């Protein structure tokens, strides 16, 4: 993690300690007055700003794992339970995927993937979300079955003649999938 991220996390922790003291969870013997609320709010704001700025400036510092291969050696299989994972293709060939998010978040970045033929992705969410970044040189077709969830497709209506097609089959139960370019 970068120094800015660590400092942001320290600010957030200090604010949470101050709030815990104010709410009587434990005593740190800090002063109680109306101005005492200004300190935690300021610390939370500064801490969150530092962490968000750090993430936006250098997202690779966060968890990026190697892309897991499936049993056939081509199709990948990613599953998240009670957490978050992010995967990024950097020039590798993409041959389909199965993505499962159970009470968690999954991010798959295919913008630099090599897609030469039609491929299929099976996406399943339960109280979770999947964020997909697709290359601009492929067509995207989304089919979904949703129960209090959905799919946001920013590539809808895009049609490139002769380009390979990425078929996304999503099944969402209190979850969602976001397809972005």
Protein backbone atom coordinates (compact mmCIF):
# COMPACT_ATOMS: atom_id res chain seq x y z
CA UNK A 1 0.00 0.00 0.00
CA UNK A 2 1.12 3.53 -0.60
CA UNK A 3 1.94 5.95 2.20
CA UNK A 4 -1.18 8.00 1.40
CA UNK A 5 -3.40 4.93 1.84
CA UNK A 6 -1.83 4.07 5.20
CA UNK A 7 -2.21 7.65 6.45
CA UNK A 8 -5.85 7.63 5.31
CA UNK A 9 -6.54 4.41 7.19
CA UNK A 10 -4.89 5.89 10.34
CA UNK A 11 -7.15 8.97 10.10
CA UNK A 12 -10.23 6.78 9.75
CA UNK A 13 -9.21 4.65 12.75
CA UNK A 14 -8.60 7.78 14.87
CA UNK A 15 -12.06 9.07 13.98
CA UNK A 16 -13.67 5.76 14.86
CA UNK A 17 -11.85 5.71 18.22
CA UNK A 18 -13.10 9.22 18.96
CA UNK A 19 -16.66 8.27 18.06
CA UNK A 20 -16.47 5.16 20.25
CA UNK A 21 -15.35 7.38 23.15
CA UNK A 22 -18.20 9.84 22.53
CA UNK A 23 -20.79 7.06 22.41
CA UNK A 24 -19.52 5.54 25.66
CA UNK A 25 -18.24 2.28 24.20
CA UNK A 26 -14.99 2.94 26.10
CA UNK A 27 -13.42 5.95 27.76
CA UNK A 28 -10.42 7.84 26.43
CA UNK A 29 -11.15 10.93 28.57
CA UNK A 30 -11.47 13.26 25.62
CA UNK A 31 -13.38 16.52 25.95
CA UNK A 32 -17.13 16.42 25.20
CA UNK A 33 -18.65 19.49 23.57
CA UNK A 34 -20.40 20.37 20.35
CA UNK A 35 -17.01 21.07 18.76
CA UNK A 36 -15.91 17.55 19.66
CA UNK A 37 -18.10 16.27 16.80
CA UNK A 38 -16.15 18.35 14.32
CA UNK A 39 -12.93 16.38 14.93
CA UNK A 40 -14.23 12.90 14.03
CA UNK A 41 -16.10 14.21 11.00
CA UNK A 42 -12.97 15.97 9.78
CA UNK A 43 -10.79 12.91 10.43
CA UNK A 44 -13.26 10.62 8.61
CA UNK A 45 -13.46 12.99 5.66
CA UNK A 46 -9.69 13.39 5.34
CA UNK A 47 -9.08 9.66 5.79
CA UNK A 48 -11.68 8.68 3.21
CA UNK A 49 -10.37 11.27 0.75
CA UNK A 50 -6.82 9.95 1.11
CA UNK A 51 -7.87 6.32 0.62
CA UNK A 52 -10.13 7.12 -2.36
CA UNK A 53 -7.49 9.33 -3.98
CA UNK A 54 -4.89 6.64 -3.48
CA UNK A 55 -7.12 3.97 -5.00
CA UNK A 56 -8.00 6.12 -8.01
CA UNK A 57 -4.37 7.11 -8.61
CA UNK A 58 -2.89 3.62 -8.13
CA UNK A 59 -5.55 0.87 -8.27
CA UNK A 60 -2.92 -1.83 -8.77
CA UNK A 61 -1.88 -1.52 -5.10
CA UNK A 62 -5.10 -3.30 -4.16
CA UNK A 63 -5.60 -7.01 -4.42
CA UNK A 64 -4.96 -8.19 -7.98
CA UNK A 65 -4.56 -11.93 -8.26
CA UNK A 66 -3.35 -14.00 -11.19
CA UNK A 67 -6.24 -15.18 -13.30
CA UNK A 68 -7.24 -18.71 -12.16
CA UNK A 69 -7.47 -21.35 -14.88
CA UNK A 70 -10.34 -23.81 -15.02
CA UNK A 71 -10.09 -27.58 -15.32
CA UNK A 72 -9.74 -27.47 -19.11
CA UNK A 73 -6.85 -24.98 -18.90
CA UNK A 74 -8.67 -22.33 -20.90
CA UNK A 75 -11.94 -21.29 -19.27
CA UNK A 76 -11.37 -19.47 -15.97
CA UNK A 77 -13.32 -20.00 -12.78
CA UNK A 78 -13.48 -17.27 -10.12
CA UNK A 79 -15.49 -17.47 -6.90
CA UNK A 80 -15.78 -14.93 -4.09
CA UNK A 81 -17.40 -15.55 -0.73
CA UNK A 82 -17.65 -12.78 1.86
CA UNK A 83 -14.90 -10.69 0.32
CA UNK A 84 -13.64 -9.09 -2.85
CA UNK A 85 -11.25 -10.07 -5.61
CA UNK A 86 -10.01 -8.36 -8.73
CA UNK A 87 -8.51 -10.00 -11.80
CA UNK A 88 -6.96 -8.39 -14.85
CA UNK A 89 -5.98 -9.78 -18.22
CA UNK A 90 -2.84 -8.19 -19.60
CA UNK A 91 -2.45 -9.52 -23.12
CA UNK A 92 -3.51 -13.11 -22.38
CA UNK A 93 -6.03 -14.96 -24.52
CA UNK A 94 -9.54 -15.13 -23.04
CA UNK A 95 -11.56 -18.32 -23.53
CA UNK A 96 -14.64 -17.86 -21.36
CA UNK A 97 -15.32 -17.75 -17.64
CA UNK A 98 -17.52 -18.75 -14.75
CA UNK A 99 -17.82 -16.06 -12.09
CA UNK A 100 -19.54 -16.55 -8.72
CA UNK A 101 -20.05 -13.78 -6.14
CA UNK A 102 -21.65 -14.89 -2.87
CA UNK A 103 -21.93 -11.97 -0.42
CA UNK A 104 -18.96 -10.32 -2.06
CA UNK A 105 -17.61 -8.45 -5.04
CA UNK A 106 -15.68 -9.60 -8.07
CA UNK A 107 -13.98 -7.41 -10.67
CA UNK A 108 -12.73 -8.79 -13.99
CA UNK A 109 -10.86 -6.49 -16.34
CA UNK A 110 -10.76 -7.82 -19.92
CA UNK A 111 -9.85 -4.53 -21.62
CA UNK A 112 -6.40 -5.85 -22.58
CA UNK A 113 -7.49 -9.46 -23.15
CA UNK A 114 -7.12 -11.09 -26.55
CA UNK A 115 -10.53 -12.25 -27.75
CA UNK A 116 -10.44 -13.71 -31.26
CA UNK A 117 -13.66 -15.75 -31.33
CA UNK A 118 -17.07 -15.82 -29.68
CA UNK A 119 -16.79 -16.59 -25.95
CA UNK A 120 -19.27 -17.13 -23.12
CA UNK A 121 -19.26 -16.02 -19.49
CA UNK A 122 -21.53 -17.51 -16.84
CA UNK A 123 -22.04 -15.05 -13.98
CA UNK A 124 -23.86 -15.93 -10.75
CA UNK A 125 -24.46 -13.50 -7.88
CA UNK A 126 -26.13 -13.91 -4.50
CA UNK A 127 -26.07 -10.76 -2.34
CA UNK A 128 -23.02 -9.70 -4.32
CA UNK A 129 -21.84 -7.94 -7.39
CA UNK A 130 -19.65 -8.46 -10.42
CA UNK A 131 -17.99 -5.65 -12.35
CA UNK A 132 -16.83 -6.51 -15.87
CA UNK A 133 -14.66 -4.32 -18.06
CA UNK A 134 -14.83 -5.47 -21.67
CA UNK A 135 -12.64 -4.49 -24.65
CA UNK A 136 -14.00 -1.95 -27.06
CA UNK A 137 -13.37 -4.23 -30.07
CA UNK A 138 -15.94 -6.93 -29.20
CA UNK A 139 -19.71 -7.12 -29.31
CA UNK A 140 -21.47 -7.89 -26.05
CA UNK A 141 -24.73 -9.82 -25.68
CA UNK A 142 -26.26 -10.07 -22.20
CA UNK A 143 -28.95 -12.51 -21.09
CA UNK A 144 -30.00 -12.49 -17.46
CA UNK A 145 -32.38 -14.02 -14.95
CA UNK A 146 -32.87 -11.74 -11.95
CA UNK A 147 -34.64 -11.73 -8.61
CA UNK A 148 -34.34 -8.29 -7.03
CA UNK A 149 -31.15 -7.65 -8.96
CA UNK A 150 -30.08 -6.80 -12.44
CA UNK A 151 -27.49 -6.11 -15.08
CA UNK A 152 -26.23 -2.69 -16.08
CA UNK A 153 -24.82 -2.85 -19.58
CA UNK A 154 -23.05 0.29 -20.78
CA UNK A 155 -22.20 -1.42 -24.08
CA UNK A 156 -25.83 -2.01 -25.06
CA UNK A 157 -26.52 -1.19 -28.68
CA UNK A 158 -22.90 -1.44 -29.77
CA UNK A 159 -22.50 -3.45 -32.97
CA UNK A 160 -19.15 -3.95 -34.66
CA UNK A 161 -19.36 -5.98 -37.86
CA UNK A 162 -17.00 -8.95 -37.99
CA UNK A 163 -15.99 -8.58 -34.34
CA UNK A 164 -16.13 -11.52 -31.93
CA UNK A 165 -19.04 -11.64 -29.52
CA UNK A 166 -18.85 -11.97 -25.75
CA UNK A 167 -22.00 -13.70 -24.47
CA UNK A 168 -22.72 -12.91 -20.82
CA UNK A 169 -25.28 -15.16 -19.14
CA UNK A 170 -26.09 -13.73 -15.70
CA UNK A 171 -28.15 -15.13 -12.85
CA UNK A 172 -28.70 -12.64 -10.02
CA UNK A 173 -30.41 -13.12 -6.67
CA UNK A 174 -30.27 -9.84 -4.70
CA UNK A 175 -27.14 -8.99 -6.66
CA UNK A 176 -26.00 -7.37 -9.83
CA UNK A 177 -23.62 -7.28 -12.74
CA UNK A 178 -22.13 -4.15 -14.26
CA UNK A 179 -20.69 -4.34 -17.79
CA UNK A 180 -18.44 -1.40 -18.68
CA UNK A 181 -16.07 -0.46 -21.44
